[in-house]
């Protein structure tokens, strides 16, 4: 599951920075359109330098070439914690629990009927 717009920064942390010094990427606001496009291009170029493509990302994550457990960034940690909470709530079948604000925002976003959920990685 790769949310926008911060996902480029998280992936660059893994691909470009090898999980080191990712805090400097965190300060590059992915919410600005120009910065976001710049980050997408940087990610694409970084992958190309490794003879890989954006379309290879799911396989890289699945094969642990990109290990989401090694990404240590405040925005990623917040997302990961919210996702884990959502999975726990779903697994318990208890919708009476209070939802974190980030999940409430995600749940309030209309989805097209054709949207299908993707399987969660095994570590959740």
PDB file of N, CA and C in Angstrom:
ATOM      1  N   UNK A   1       0.852  -1.170   0.000  1.00  0.00           N
ATOM      2  CA  UNK A   1       0.000   0.000   0.000  1.00  0.00           C
ATOM      3  C   UNK A   1       0.895   1.229   0.000  1.00  0.00           C
ATOM      4  N   UNK A   2       0.780   2.026  -1.028  1.00  0.00           N
ATOM      5  CA  UNK A   2       1.614   3.215  -1.146  1.00  0.00           C
ATOM      6  C   UNK A   2       0.734   4.451  -1.241  1.00  0.00           C
ATOM      7  N   UNK A   3       0.632   5.212  -0.171  1.00  0.00           N
ATOM      8  CA  UNK A   3      -0.199   6.407  -0.209  1.00  0.00           C
ATOM      9  C   UNK A   3       0.511   7.544  -0.916  1.00  0.00           C
ATOM     10  N   UNK A   4      -0.247   8.457  -1.428  1.00  0.00           N
ATOM     11  CA  UNK A   4       0.312   9.673  -2.004  1.00  0.00           C
ATOM     12  C   UNK A   4       0.024  10.796  -1.037  1.00  0.00           C
ATOM     13  N   UNK A   5       0.808  11.827  -0.986  1.00  0.00           N
ATOM     14  CA  UNK A   5       1.973  12.120  -1.810  1.00  0.00           C
ATOM     15  C   UNK A   5       3.302  11.747  -1.167  1.00  0.00           C
ATOM     16  N   UNK A   6       3.316  11.239   0.031  1.00  0.00           N
ATOM     17  CA  UNK A   6       4.584  11.021   0.740  1.00  0.00           C
ATOM     18  C   UNK A   6       5.327   9.772   0.305  1.00  0.00           C
ATOM     19  N   UNK A   7       4.703   8.904  -0.463  1.00  0.00           N
ATOM     20  CA  UNK A   7       5.336   7.619  -0.768  1.00  0.00           C
ATOM     21  C   UNK A   7       6.656   7.760  -1.513  1.00  0.00           C
ATOM     22  N   UNK A   8       6.792   8.780  -2.333  1.00  0.00           N
ATOM     23  CA  UNK A   8       8.058   8.957  -3.053  1.00  0.00           C
ATOM     24  C   UNK A   8       9.205   9.169  -2.075  1.00  0.00           C
ATOM     25  N   UNK A   9       8.952   9.939  -1.032  1.00  0.00           N
ATOM     26  CA  UNK A   9       9.984  10.214  -0.041  1.00  0.00           C
ATOM     27  C   UNK A   9      10.366   8.926   0.686  1.00  0.00           C
ATOM     28  N   UNK A  10       9.388   8.132   1.050  1.00  0.00           N
ATOM     29  CA  UNK A  10       9.663   6.872   1.752  1.00  0.00           C
ATOM     30  C   UNK A  10      10.465   5.925   0.874  1.00  0.00           C
ATOM     31  N   UNK A  11      10.092   5.843  -0.390  1.00  0.00           N
ATOM     32  CA  UNK A  11      10.792   4.944  -1.307  1.00  0.00           C
ATOM     33  C   UNK A  11      12.197   5.443  -1.607  1.00  0.00           C
ATOM     34  N   UNK A  12      12.356   6.762  -1.714  1.00  0.00           N
ATOM     35  CA  UNK A  12      13.701   7.315  -1.905  1.00  0.00           C
ATOM     36  C   UNK A  12      14.584   7.018  -0.699  1.00  0.00           C
ATOM     37  N   UNK A  13      14.014   7.023   0.476  1.00  0.00           N
ATOM     38  CA  UNK A  13      14.762   6.665   1.678  1.00  0.00           C
ATOM     39  C   UNK A  13      15.381   5.288   1.499  1.00  0.00           C
ATOM     40  N   UNK A  14      14.623   4.361   0.967  1.00  0.00           N
ATOM     41  CA  UNK A  14      15.102   2.991   0.786  1.00  0.00           C
ATOM     42  C   UNK A  14      16.035   2.870  -0.412  1.00  0.00           C
ATOM     43  N   UNK A  15      15.628   3.406  -1.548  1.00  0.00           N
ATOM     44  CA  UNK A  15      16.350   3.186  -2.802  1.00  0.00           C
ATOM     45  C   UNK A  15      17.589   4.063  -2.926  1.00  0.00           C
ATOM     46  N   UNK A  16      17.467   5.330  -2.603  1.00  0.00           N
ATOM     47  CA  UNK A  16      18.572   6.268  -2.797  1.00  0.00           C
ATOM     48  C   UNK A  16      19.463   6.357  -1.569  1.00  0.00           C
ATOM     49  N   UNK A  17      18.864   6.423  -0.391  1.00  0.00           N
ATOM     50  CA  UNK A  17      19.628   6.657   0.825  1.00  0.00           C
ATOM     51  C   UNK A  17      20.020   5.374   1.555  1.00  0.00           C
ATOM     52  N   UNK A  18      19.545   4.220   1.081  1.00  0.00           N
ATOM     53  CA  UNK A  18      19.821   2.926   1.738  1.00  0.00           C
ATOM     54  C   UNK A  18      19.470   2.997   3.225  1.00  0.00           C
ATOM     55  N   UNK A  19      18.330   3.639   3.518  1.00  0.00           N
ATOM     56  CA  UNK A  19      17.752   3.754   4.860  1.00  0.00           C
ATOM     57  C   UNK A  19      18.568   4.647   5.793  1.00  0.00           C
ATOM     58  N   UNK A  20      19.525   5.405   5.275  1.00  0.00           N
ATOM     59  CA  UNK A  20      20.354   6.282   6.103  1.00  0.00           C
ATOM     60  C   UNK A  20      20.010   7.745   5.808  1.00  0.00           C
ATOM     61  N   UNK A  21      20.055   8.579   6.812  1.00  0.00           N
ATOM     62  CA  UNK A  21      19.863  10.028   6.668  1.00  0.00           C
ATOM     63  C   UNK A  21      18.556  10.381   5.967  1.00  0.00           C
ATOM     64  N   UNK A  22      17.529   9.643   6.247  1.00  0.00           N
ATOM     65  CA  UNK A  22      16.243   9.888   5.583  1.00  0.00           C
ATOM     66  C   UNK A  22      15.541  11.131   6.118  1.00  0.00           C
ATOM     67  N   UNK A  23      16.012  11.638   7.262  1.00  0.00           N
ATOM     68  CA  UNK A  23      15.380  12.818   7.827  1.00  0.00           C
ATOM     69  C   UNK A  23      15.483  14.023   6.899  1.00  0.00           C
ATOM     70  N   UNK A  24      16.551  14.090   6.101  1.00  0.00           N
ATOM     71  CA  UNK A  24      16.659  15.216   5.167  1.00  0.00           C
ATOM     72  C   UNK A  24      15.595  15.127   4.070  1.00  0.00           C
ATOM     73  N   UNK A  25      15.225  13.917   3.686  1.00  0.00           N
ATOM     74  CA  UNK A  25      14.142  13.762   2.713  1.00  0.00           C
ATOM     75  C   UNK A  25      12.801  14.159   3.319  1.00  0.00           C
ATOM     76  N   UNK A  26      12.651  13.905   4.619  1.00  0.00           N
ATOM     77  CA  UNK A  26      11.404  14.222   5.309  1.00  0.00           C
ATOM     78  C   UNK A  26      11.102  15.718   5.255  1.00  0.00           C
ATOM     79  N   UNK A  27      12.154  16.539   5.230  1.00  0.00           N
ATOM     80  CA  UNK A  27      11.953  17.982   5.231  1.00  0.00           C
ATOM     81  C   UNK A  27      11.562  18.525   3.859  1.00  0.00           C
ATOM     82  N   UNK A  28      11.737  17.739   2.809  1.00  0.00           N
ATOM     83  CA  UNK A  28      11.313  18.158   1.478  1.00  0.00           C
ATOM     84  C   UNK A  28       9.822  17.901   1.371  1.00  0.00           C
ATOM     85  N   UNK A  29       9.039  18.945   1.486  1.00  0.00           N
ATOM     86  CA  UNK A  29       7.590  18.793   1.546  1.00  0.00           C
ATOM     87  C   UNK A  29       7.036  18.167   0.277  1.00  0.00           C
ATOM     88  N   UNK A  30       6.478  16.938   0.373  1.00  0.00           N
ATOM     89  CA  UNK A  30       5.897  16.306  -0.798  1.00  0.00           C
ATOM     90  C   UNK A  30       4.516  16.851  -1.136  1.00  0.00           C
ATOM     91  N   UNK A  31       4.022  17.809  -0.340  1.00  0.00           N
ATOM     92  CA  UNK A  31       2.679  18.333  -0.573  1.00  0.00           C
ATOM     93  C   UNK A  31       2.664  19.446  -1.610  1.00  0.00           C
ATOM     94  N   UNK A  32       3.829  19.989  -1.926  1.00  0.00           N
ATOM     95  CA  UNK A  32       3.917  21.003  -2.965  1.00  0.00           C
ATOM     96  C   UNK A  32       3.998  20.302  -4.319  1.00  0.00           C
ATOM     97  N   UNK A  33       3.205  20.743  -5.269  1.00  0.00           N
ATOM     98  CA  UNK A  33       3.162  20.099  -6.580  1.00  0.00           C
ATOM     99  C   UNK A  33       4.512  19.987  -7.255  1.00  0.00           C
ATOM    100  N   UNK A  34       5.303  21.082  -7.241  1.00  0.00           N
ATOM    101  CA  UNK A  34       6.611  21.058  -7.898  1.00  0.00           C
ATOM    102  C   UNK A  34       7.566  20.099  -7.211  1.00  0.00           C
ATOM    103  N   UNK A  35       7.581  20.123  -5.887  1.00  0.00           N
ATOM    104  CA  UNK A  35       8.468  19.230  -5.142  1.00  0.00           C
ATOM    105  C   UNK A  35       8.049  17.787  -5.385  1.00  0.00           C
ATOM    106  N   UNK A  36       6.749  17.552  -5.377  1.00  0.00           N
ATOM    107  CA  UNK A  36       6.256  16.186  -5.570  1.00  0.00           C
ATOM    108  C   UNK A  36       6.688  15.654  -6.930  1.00  0.00           C
ATOM    109  N   UNK A  37       6.556  16.468  -7.983  1.00  0.00           N
ATOM    110  CA  UNK A  37       7.000  16.036  -9.307  1.00  0.00           C
ATOM    111  C   UNK A  37       8.506  15.797  -9.318  1.00  0.00           C
ATOM    112  N   UNK A  38       9.245  16.648  -8.617  1.00  0.00           N
ATOM    113  CA  UNK A  38      10.699  16.492  -8.522  1.00  0.00           C
ATOM    114  C   UNK A  38      11.040  15.168  -7.842  1.00  0.00           C
ATOM    115  N   UNK A  39      10.324  14.833  -6.765  1.00  0.00           N
ATOM    116  CA  UNK A  39      10.587  13.584  -6.055  1.00  0.00           C
ATOM    117  C   UNK A  39      10.250  12.377  -6.916  1.00  0.00           C
ATOM    118  N   UNK A  40       9.167  12.459  -7.682  1.00  0.00           N
ATOM    119  CA  UNK A  40       8.815  11.359  -8.591  1.00  0.00           C
ATOM    120  C   UNK A  40       9.932  11.144  -9.617  1.00  0.00           C
ATOM    121  N   UNK A  41      10.445  12.231 -10.169  1.00  0.00           N
ATOM    122  CA  UNK A  41      11.527  12.128 -11.148  1.00  0.00           C
ATOM    123  C   UNK A  41      12.794  11.575 -10.503  1.00  0.00           C
ATOM    124  N   UNK A  42      13.092  12.020  -9.290  1.00  0.00           N
ATOM    125  CA  UNK A  42      14.265  11.514  -8.581  1.00  0.00           C
ATOM    126  C   UNK A  42      14.161  10.016  -8.326  1.00  0.00           C
ATOM    127  N   UNK A  43      12.975   9.575  -7.917  1.00  0.00           N
ATOM    128  CA  UNK A  43      12.762   8.149  -7.683  1.00  0.00           C
ATOM    129  C   UNK A  43      12.919   7.372  -8.987  1.00  0.00           C
ATOM    130  N   UNK A  44      12.326   7.890 -10.051  1.00  0.00           N
ATOM    131  CA  UNK A  44      12.424   7.228 -11.355  1.00  0.00           C
ATOM    132  C   UNK A  44      13.883   7.136 -11.804  1.00  0.00           C
ATOM    133  N   UNK A  45      14.639   8.226 -11.656  1.00  0.00           N
ATOM    134  CA  UNK A  45      16.042   8.246 -12.057  1.00  0.00           C
ATOM    135  C   UNK A  45      16.890   7.319 -11.199  1.00  0.00           C
ATOM    136  N   UNK A  46      16.603   7.299  -9.911  1.00  0.00           N
ATOM    137  CA  UNK A  46      17.349   6.430  -9.001  1.00  0.00           C
ATOM    138  C   UNK A  46      17.113   4.962  -9.349  1.00  0.00           C
ATOM    139  N   UNK A  47      15.865   4.615  -9.636  1.00  0.00           N
ATOM    140  CA  UNK A  47      15.556   3.244 -10.041  1.00  0.00           C
ATOM    141  C   UNK A  47      16.203   2.907 -11.385  1.00  0.00           C
ATOM    142  N   UNK A  48      16.171   3.861 -12.319  1.00  0.00           N
ATOM    143  CA  UNK A  48      16.760   3.638 -13.638  1.00  0.00           C
ATOM    144  C   UNK A  48      18.264   3.379 -13.525  1.00  0.00           C
ATOM    145  N   UNK A  49      18.927   4.056 -12.598  1.00  0.00           N
ATOM    146  CA  UNK A  49      20.363   3.851 -12.389  1.00  0.00           C
ATOM    147  C   UNK A  49      20.648   2.430 -11.908  1.00  0.00           C
ATOM    148  N   UNK A  50      19.635   1.773 -11.358  1.00  0.00           N
ATOM    149  CA  UNK A  50      19.762   0.393 -10.890  1.00  0.00           C
ATOM    150  C   UNK A  50      19.087  -0.584 -11.860  1.00  0.00           C
ATOM    151  N   UNK A  51      18.854  -0.099 -13.093  1.00  0.00           N
ATOM    152  CA  UNK A  51      18.181  -0.891 -14.130  1.00  0.00           C
ATOM    153  C   UNK A  51      16.814  -1.388 -13.675  1.00  0.00           C
ATOM    154  N   UNK A  52      16.110  -0.517 -12.967  1.00  0.00           N
ATOM    155  CA  UNK A  52      14.761  -0.844 -12.493  1.00  0.00           C
ATOM    156  C   UNK A  52      13.816   0.272 -12.907  1.00  0.00           C
ATOM    157  N   UNK A  53      12.530   0.009 -12.729  1.00  0.00           N
ATOM    158  CA  UNK A  53      11.497   0.942 -13.160  1.00  0.00           C
ATOM    159  C   UNK A  53      10.462   1.078 -12.053  1.00  0.00           C
ATOM    160  N   UNK A  54       9.665   2.120 -12.122  1.00  0.00           N
ATOM    161  CA  UNK A  54       8.577   2.332 -11.167  1.00  0.00           C
ATOM    162  C   UNK A  54       7.678   1.099 -11.111  1.00  0.00           C
ATOM    163  N   UNK A  55       7.467   0.470 -12.238  1.00  0.00           N
ATOM    164  CA  UNK A  55       6.605  -0.714 -12.279  1.00  0.00           C
ATOM    165  C   UNK A  55       7.205  -1.902 -11.522  1.00  0.00           C
ATOM    166  N   UNK A  56       8.502  -1.830 -11.216  1.00  0.00           N
ATOM    167  CA  UNK A  56       9.158  -2.888 -10.452  1.00  0.00           C
ATOM    168  C   UNK A  56       8.948  -2.743  -8.941  1.00  0.00           C
ATOM    169  N   UNK A  57       8.415  -1.602  -8.493  1.00  0.00           N
ATOM    170  CA  UNK A  57       8.295  -1.349  -7.057  1.00  0.00           C
ATOM    171  C   UNK A  57       7.530  -2.429  -6.290  1.00  0.00           C
ATOM    172  N   UNK A  58       6.362  -2.868  -6.755  1.00  0.00           N
ATOM    173  CA  UNK A  58       5.670  -3.914  -5.976  1.00  0.00           C
ATOM    174  C   UNK A  58       6.528  -5.163  -5.763  1.00  0.00           C
ATOM    175  N   UNK A  59       7.225  -5.579  -6.805  1.00  0.00           N
ATOM    176  CA  UNK A  59       8.076  -6.768  -6.686  1.00  0.00           C
ATOM    177  C   UNK A  59       9.266  -6.504  -5.761  1.00  0.00           C
ATOM    178  N   UNK A  60       9.848  -5.308  -5.837  1.00  0.00           N
ATOM    179  CA  UNK A  60      10.968  -4.950  -4.964  1.00  0.00           C
ATOM    180  C   UNK A  60      10.548  -4.972  -3.493  1.00  0.00           C
ATOM    181  N   UNK A  61       9.330  -4.525  -3.233  1.00  0.00           N
ATOM    182  CA  UNK A  61       8.804  -4.523  -1.865  1.00  0.00           C
ATOM    183  C   UNK A  61       8.476  -5.950  -1.437  1.00  0.00           C
ATOM    184  N   UNK A  62       7.837  -6.683  -2.312  1.00  0.00           N
ATOM    185  CA  UNK A  62       7.452  -8.060  -1.999  1.00  0.00           C
ATOM    186  C   UNK A  62       8.678  -8.932  -1.731  1.00  0.00           C
ATOM    187  N   UNK A  63       9.760  -8.723  -2.501  1.00  0.00           N
ATOM    188  CA  UNK A  63      10.987  -9.508  -2.346  1.00  0.00           C
ATOM    189  C   UNK A  63      11.919  -8.957  -1.275  1.00  0.00           C
ATOM    190  N   UNK A  64      11.471  -7.910  -0.576  1.00  0.00           N
ATOM    191  CA  UNK A  64      12.239  -7.276   0.504  1.00  0.00           C
ATOM    192  C   UNK A  64      13.510  -6.587   0.028  1.00  0.00           C
ATOM    193  N   UNK A  65      13.604  -6.318  -1.297  1.00  0.00           N
ATOM    194  CA  UNK A  65      14.705  -5.468  -1.748  1.00  0.00           C
ATOM    195  C   UNK A  65      14.476  -4.062  -1.212  1.00  0.00           C
ATOM    196  N   UNK A  66      13.224  -3.692  -1.065  1.00  0.00           N
ATOM    197  CA  UNK A  66      12.826  -2.499  -0.329  1.00  0.00           C
ATOM    198  C   UNK A  66      12.107  -3.026   0.901  1.00  0.00           C
ATOM    199  N   UNK A  67      12.711  -2.821   2.052  1.00  0.00           N
ATOM    200  CA  UNK A  67      12.165  -3.363   3.297  1.00  0.00           C
ATOM    201  C   UNK A  67      11.488  -2.235   4.079  1.00  0.00           C
ATOM    202  N   UNK A  68      10.166  -2.251   4.076  1.00  0.00           N
ATOM    203  CA  UNK A  68       9.427  -1.172   4.723  1.00  0.00           C
ATOM    204  C   UNK A  68       9.688  -1.118   6.226  1.00  0.00           C
ATOM    205  N   UNK A  69      10.155  -2.203   6.815  1.00  0.00           N
ATOM    206  CA  UNK A  69      10.452  -2.198   8.248  1.00  0.00           C
ATOM    207  C   UNK A  69      11.726  -1.418   8.571  1.00  0.00           C
ATOM    208  N   UNK A  70      12.531  -1.135   7.551  1.00  0.00           N
ATOM    209  CA  UNK A  70      13.768  -0.376   7.763  1.00  0.00           C
ATOM    210  C   UNK A  70      13.578   1.121   7.555  1.00  0.00           C
ATOM    211  N   UNK A  71      12.441   1.525   7.025  1.00  0.00           N
ATOM    212  CA  UNK A  71      12.193   2.946   6.777  1.00  0.00           C
ATOM    213  C   UNK A  71      11.808   3.592   8.100  1.00  0.00           C
ATOM    214  N   UNK A  72      12.634   4.498   8.570  1.00  0.00           N
ATOM    215  CA  UNK A  72      12.411   5.179   9.852  1.00  0.00           C
ATOM    216  C   UNK A  72      12.263   6.677   9.596  1.00  0.00           C
ATOM    217  N   UNK A  73      11.044   7.080   9.362  1.00  0.00           N
ATOM    218  CA  UNK A  73      10.727   8.488   9.119  1.00  0.00           C
ATOM    219  C   UNK A  73       9.424   8.784   9.852  1.00  0.00           C
ATOM    220  N   UNK A  74       9.308   9.968  10.475  1.00  0.00           N
ATOM    221  CA  UNK A  74       8.079  10.274  11.216  1.00  0.00           C
ATOM    222  C   UNK A  74       6.798  10.094  10.398  1.00  0.00           C
ATOM    223  N   UNK A  75       6.782  10.568   9.167  1.00  0.00           N
ATOM    224  CA  UNK A  75       5.546  10.455   8.371  1.00  0.00           C
ATOM    225  C   UNK A  75       5.245   8.994   8.042  1.00  0.00           C
ATOM    226  N   UNK A  76       6.277   8.203   7.771  1.00  0.00           N
ATOM    227  CA  UNK A  76       6.052   6.788   7.491  1.00  0.00           C
ATOM    228  C   UNK A  76       5.605   6.052   8.749  1.00  0.00           C
ATOM    229  N   UNK A  77       6.238   6.366   9.866  1.00  0.00           N
ATOM    230  CA  UNK A  77       5.853   5.732  11.127  1.00  0.00           C
ATOM    231  C   UNK A  77       4.386   6.020  11.455  1.00  0.00           C
ATOM    232  N   UNK A  78       3.948   7.275  11.245  1.00  0.00           N
ATOM    233  CA  UNK A  78       2.542   7.629  11.487  1.00  0.00           C
ATOM    234  C   UNK A  78       1.618   6.821  10.584  1.00  0.00           C
ATOM    235  N   UNK A  79       1.968   6.746   9.295  1.00  0.00           N
ATOM    236  CA  UNK A  79       1.155   5.979   8.353  1.00  0.00           C
ATOM    237  C   UNK A  79       1.114   4.508   8.745  1.00  0.00           C
ATOM    238  N   UNK A  80       2.274   3.947   9.049  1.00  0.00           N
ATOM    239  CA  UNK A  80       2.360   2.532   9.380  1.00  0.00           C
ATOM    240  C   UNK A  80       1.545   2.210  10.636  1.00  0.00           C
ATOM    241  N   UNK A  81       1.648   3.063  11.647  1.00  0.00           N
ATOM    242  CA  UNK A  81       0.870   2.854  12.871  1.00  0.00           C
ATOM    243  C   UNK A  81      -0.627   2.919  12.592  1.00  0.00           C
ATOM    244  N   UNK A  82      -1.045   3.883  11.781  1.00  0.00           N
ATOM    245  CA  UNK A  82      -2.464   3.997  11.437  1.00  0.00           C
ATOM    246  C   UNK A  82      -2.946   2.777  10.660  1.00  0.00           C
ATOM    247  N   UNK A  83      -2.126   2.305   9.734  1.00  0.00           N
ATOM    248  CA  UNK A  83      -2.497   1.125   8.953  1.00  0.00           C
ATOM    249  C   UNK A  83      -2.598  -0.105   9.853  1.00  0.00           C
ATOM    250  N   UNK A  84      -1.643  -0.267  10.747  1.00  0.00           N
ATOM    251  CA  UNK A  84      -1.691  -1.404  11.660  1.00  0.00           C
ATOM    252  C   UNK A  84      -2.926  -1.352  12.553  1.00  0.00           C
ATOM    253  N   UNK A  85      -3.283  -0.136  13.012  1.00  0.00           N
ATOM    254  CA  UNK A  85      -4.502   0.010  13.809  1.00  0.00           C
ATOM    255  C   UNK A  85      -5.733  -0.369  12.999  1.00  0.00           C
ATOM    256  N   UNK A  86      -5.772   0.058  11.743  1.00  0.00           N
ATOM    257  CA  UNK A  86      -6.919  -0.258  10.891  1.00  0.00           C
ATOM    258  C   UNK A  86      -7.033  -1.763  10.679  1.00  0.00           C
ATOM    259  N   UNK A  87      -5.908  -2.421  10.469  1.00  0.00           N
ATOM    260  CA  UNK A  87      -5.909  -3.871  10.264  1.00  0.00           C
ATOM    261  C   UNK A  87      -6.400  -4.575  11.525  1.00  0.00           C
ATOM    262  N   UNK A  88      -5.941  -4.105  12.688  1.00  0.00           N
ATOM    263  CA  UNK A  88      -6.388  -4.705  13.951  1.00  0.00           C
ATOM    264  C   UNK A  88      -7.896  -4.538  14.133  1.00  0.00           C
ATOM    265  N   UNK A  89      -8.391  -3.357  13.826  1.00  0.00           N
ATOM    266  CA  UNK A  89      -9.833  -3.094  13.958  1.00  0.00           C
ATOM    267  C   UNK A  89     -10.610  -4.010  13.024  1.00  0.00           C
ATOM    268  N   UNK A  90     -10.130  -4.137  11.788  1.00  0.00           N
ATOM    269  CA  UNK A  90     -10.804  -5.020  10.825  1.00  0.00           C
ATOM    270  C   UNK A  90     -10.740  -6.473  11.277  1.00  0.00           C
ATOM    271  N   UNK A  91      -9.586  -6.901  11.767  1.00  0.00           N
ATOM    272  CA  UNK A  91      -9.412  -8.286  12.194  1.00  0.00           C
ATOM    273  C   UNK A  91     -10.316  -8.618  13.381  1.00  0.00           C
ATOM    274  N   UNK A  92     -10.525  -7.647  14.244  1.00  0.00           N
ATOM    275  CA  UNK A  92     -11.373  -7.873  15.412  1.00  0.00           C
ATOM    276  C   UNK A  92     -12.853  -7.760  15.061  1.00  0.00           C
ATOM    277  N   UNK A  93     -13.132  -7.163  13.902  1.00  0.00           N
ATOM    278  CA  UNK A  93     -14.521  -6.965  13.505  1.00  0.00           C
ATOM    279  C   UNK A  93     -15.249  -6.011  14.423  1.00  0.00           C
ATOM    280  N   UNK A  94     -14.497  -5.171  15.099  1.00  0.00           N
ATOM    281  CA  UNK A  94     -15.088  -4.259  16.072  1.00  0.00           C
ATOM    282  C   UNK A  94     -14.990  -2.828  15.567  1.00  0.00           C
ATOM    283  N   UNK A  95     -16.023  -2.367  14.920  1.00  0.00           N
ATOM    284  CA  UNK A  95     -16.027  -1.013  14.382  1.00  0.00           C
ATOM    285  C   UNK A  95     -16.438   0.014  15.426  1.00  0.00           C
ATOM    286  N   UNK A  96     -16.686  -0.438  16.666  1.00  0.00           N
ATOM    287  CA  UNK A  96     -17.066   0.500  17.713  1.00  0.00           C
ATOM    288  C   UNK A  96     -15.852   1.179  18.339  1.00  0.00           C
ATOM    289  N   UNK A  97     -14.654   0.695  18.005  1.00  0.00           N
ATOM    290  CA  UNK A  97     -13.435   1.320  18.524  1.00  0.00           C
ATOM    291  C   UNK A  97     -13.241   2.671  17.842  1.00  0.00           C
ATOM    292  N   UNK A  98     -12.688   3.657  18.566  1.00  0.00           N
ATOM    293  CA  UNK A  98     -12.439   4.949  17.923  1.00  0.00           C
ATOM    294  C   UNK A  98     -11.358   4.820  16.854  1.00  0.00           C
ATOM    295  N   UNK A  99     -11.611   5.423  15.717  1.00  0.00           N
ATOM    296  CA  UNK A  99     -10.643   5.379  14.621  1.00  0.00           C
ATOM    297  C   UNK A  99      -9.676   6.549  14.724  1.00  0.00           C
ATOM    298  N   UNK A 100      -8.378   6.320  14.430  1.00  0.00           N
ATOM    299  CA  UNK A 100      -7.428   7.435  14.372  1.00  0.00           C
ATOM    300  C   UNK A 100      -7.850   8.422  13.283  1.00  0.00           C
ATOM    301  N   UNK A 101      -7.486   9.680  13.462  1.00  0.00           N
ATOM    302  CA  UNK A 101      -7.883  10.737  12.521  1.00  0.00           C
ATOM    303  C   UNK A 101      -7.441  10.427  11.096  1.00  0.00           C
ATOM    304  N   UNK A 102      -6.241   9.862  10.936  1.00  0.00           N
ATOM    305  CA  UNK A 102      -5.752   9.578   9.585  1.00  0.00           C
ATOM    306  C   UNK A 102      -6.628   8.537   8.897  1.00  0.00           C
ATOM    307  N   UNK A 103      -7.152   7.568   9.655  1.00  0.00           N
ATOM    308  CA  UNK A 103      -8.019   6.553   9.067  1.00  0.00           C
ATOM    309  C   UNK A 103      -9.378   7.165   8.751  1.00  0.00           C
ATOM    310  N   UNK A 104      -9.860   8.037   9.632  1.00  0.00           N
ATOM    311  CA  UNK A 104     -11.137   8.708   9.370  1.00  0.00           C
ATOM    312  C   UNK A 104     -11.062   9.480   8.055  1.00  0.00           C
ATOM    313  N   UNK A 105      -9.926  10.183   7.841  1.00  0.00           N
ATOM    314  CA  UNK A 105      -9.772  10.945   6.583  1.00  0.00           C
ATOM    315  C   UNK A 105      -9.771   9.996   5.397  1.00  0.00           C
ATOM    316  N   UNK A 106      -9.046   8.886   5.502  1.00  0.00           N
ATOM    317  CA  UNK A 106      -8.961   7.928   4.400  1.00  0.00           C
ATOM    318  C   UNK A 106     -10.326   7.301   4.132  1.00  0.00           C
ATOM    319  N   UNK A 107     -11.055   7.006   5.190  1.00  0.00           N
ATOM    320  CA  UNK A 107     -12.369   6.371   5.026  1.00  0.00           C
ATOM    321  C   UNK A 107     -13.401   7.323   4.454  1.00  0.00           C
ATOM    322  N   UNK A 108     -13.202   8.619   4.653  1.00  0.00           N
ATOM    323  CA  UNK A 108     -14.180   9.582   4.155  1.00  0.00           C
ATOM    324  C   UNK A 108     -13.942   9.952   2.697  1.00  0.00           C
ATOM    325  N   UNK A 109     -12.819   9.504   2.127  1.00  0.00           N
ATOM    326  CA  UNK A 109     -12.528   9.770   0.721  1.00  0.00           C
ATOM    327  C   UNK A 109     -13.330   8.814  -0.144  1.00  0.00           C
ATOM    328  N   UNK A 110     -14.175   9.357  -1.044  1.00  0.00           N
ATOM    329  CA  UNK A 110     -14.977   8.469  -1.887  1.00  0.00           C
ATOM    330  C   UNK A 110     -14.094   7.609  -2.786  1.00  0.00           C
ATOM    331  N   UNK A 111     -14.443   6.339  -2.917  1.00  0.00           N
ATOM    332  CA  UNK A 111     -13.718   5.414  -3.786  1.00  0.00           C
ATOM    333  C   UNK A 111     -14.651   4.958  -4.887  1.00  0.00           C
ATOM    334  N   UNK A 112     -14.124   4.821  -6.101  1.00  0.00           N
ATOM    335  CA  UNK A 112     -14.971   4.320  -7.184  1.00  0.00           C
ATOM    336  C   UNK A 112     -15.360   2.878  -6.913  1.00  0.00           C
ATOM    337  N   UNK A 113     -16.531   2.452  -7.377  1.00  0.00           N
ATOM    338  CA  UNK A 113     -16.973   1.087  -7.125  1.00  0.00           C
ATOM    339  C   UNK A 113     -15.998   0.035  -7.646  1.00  0.00           C
ATOM    340  N   UNK A 114     -15.224   0.400  -8.652  1.00  0.00           N
ATOM    341  CA  UNK A 114     -14.300  -0.570  -9.240  1.00  0.00           C
ATOM    342  C   UNK A 114     -13.029  -0.741  -8.414  1.00  0.00           C
ATOM    343  N   UNK A 115     -12.815   0.126  -7.399  1.00  0.00           N
ATOM    344  CA  UNK A 115     -11.595   0.039  -6.599  1.00  0.00           C
ATOM    345  C   UNK A 115     -11.591  -1.254  -5.791  1.00  0.00           C
ATOM    346  N   UNK A 116     -10.481  -1.957  -5.874  1.00  0.00           N
ATOM    347  CA  UNK A 116     -10.349  -3.226  -5.149  1.00  0.00           C
ATOM    348  C   UNK A 116      -9.264  -3.091  -4.110  1.00  0.00           C
ATOM    349  N   UNK A 117      -9.462  -3.643  -2.951  1.00  0.00           N
ATOM    350  CA  UNK A 117      -8.387  -3.602  -1.954  1.00  0.00           C
ATOM    351  C   UNK A 117      -7.251  -4.515  -2.384  1.00  0.00           C
ATOM    352  N   UNK A 118      -6.053  -4.137  -1.996  1.00  0.00           N
ATOM    353  CA  UNK A 118      -4.871  -4.933  -2.292  1.00  0.00           C
ATOM    354  C   UNK A 118      -4.512  -5.752  -1.061  1.00  0.00           C
ATOM    355  N   UNK A 119      -3.892  -6.906  -1.242  1.00  0.00           N
ATOM    356  CA  UNK A 119      -3.503  -7.714  -0.079  1.00  0.00           C
ATOM    357  C   UNK A 119      -2.450  -6.993   0.752  1.00  0.00           C
ATOM    358  N   UNK A 120      -2.498  -7.167   2.050  1.00  0.00           N
ATOM    359  CA  UNK A 120      -1.529  -6.557   2.942  1.00  0.00           C
ATOM    360  C   UNK A 120      -0.269  -7.403   2.989  1.00  0.00           C
ATOM    361  N   UNK A 121       0.890  -6.740   3.196  1.00  0.00           N
ATOM    362  CA  UNK A 121       2.122  -7.510   3.366  1.00  0.00           C
ATOM    363  C   UNK A 121       1.995  -8.435   4.569  1.00  0.00           C
ATOM    364  N   UNK A 122       2.759  -9.482   4.582  1.00  0.00           N
ATOM    365  CA  UNK A 122       2.658 -10.510   5.633  1.00  0.00           C
ATOM    366  C   UNK A 122       2.952  -9.978   7.022  1.00  0.00           C
ATOM    367  N   UNK A 123       3.775  -8.933   7.155  1.00  0.00           N
ATOM    368  CA  UNK A 123       4.166  -8.489   8.501  1.00  0.00           C
ATOM    369  C   UNK A 123       3.068  -7.733   9.224  1.00  0.00           C
ATOM    370  N   UNK A 124       1.912  -7.501   8.588  1.00  0.00           N
ATOM    371  CA  UNK A 124       0.826  -6.809   9.286  1.00  0.00           C
ATOM    372  C   UNK A 124      -0.077  -7.812   9.927  1.00  0.00           C
TER     373      UNK A 124
END
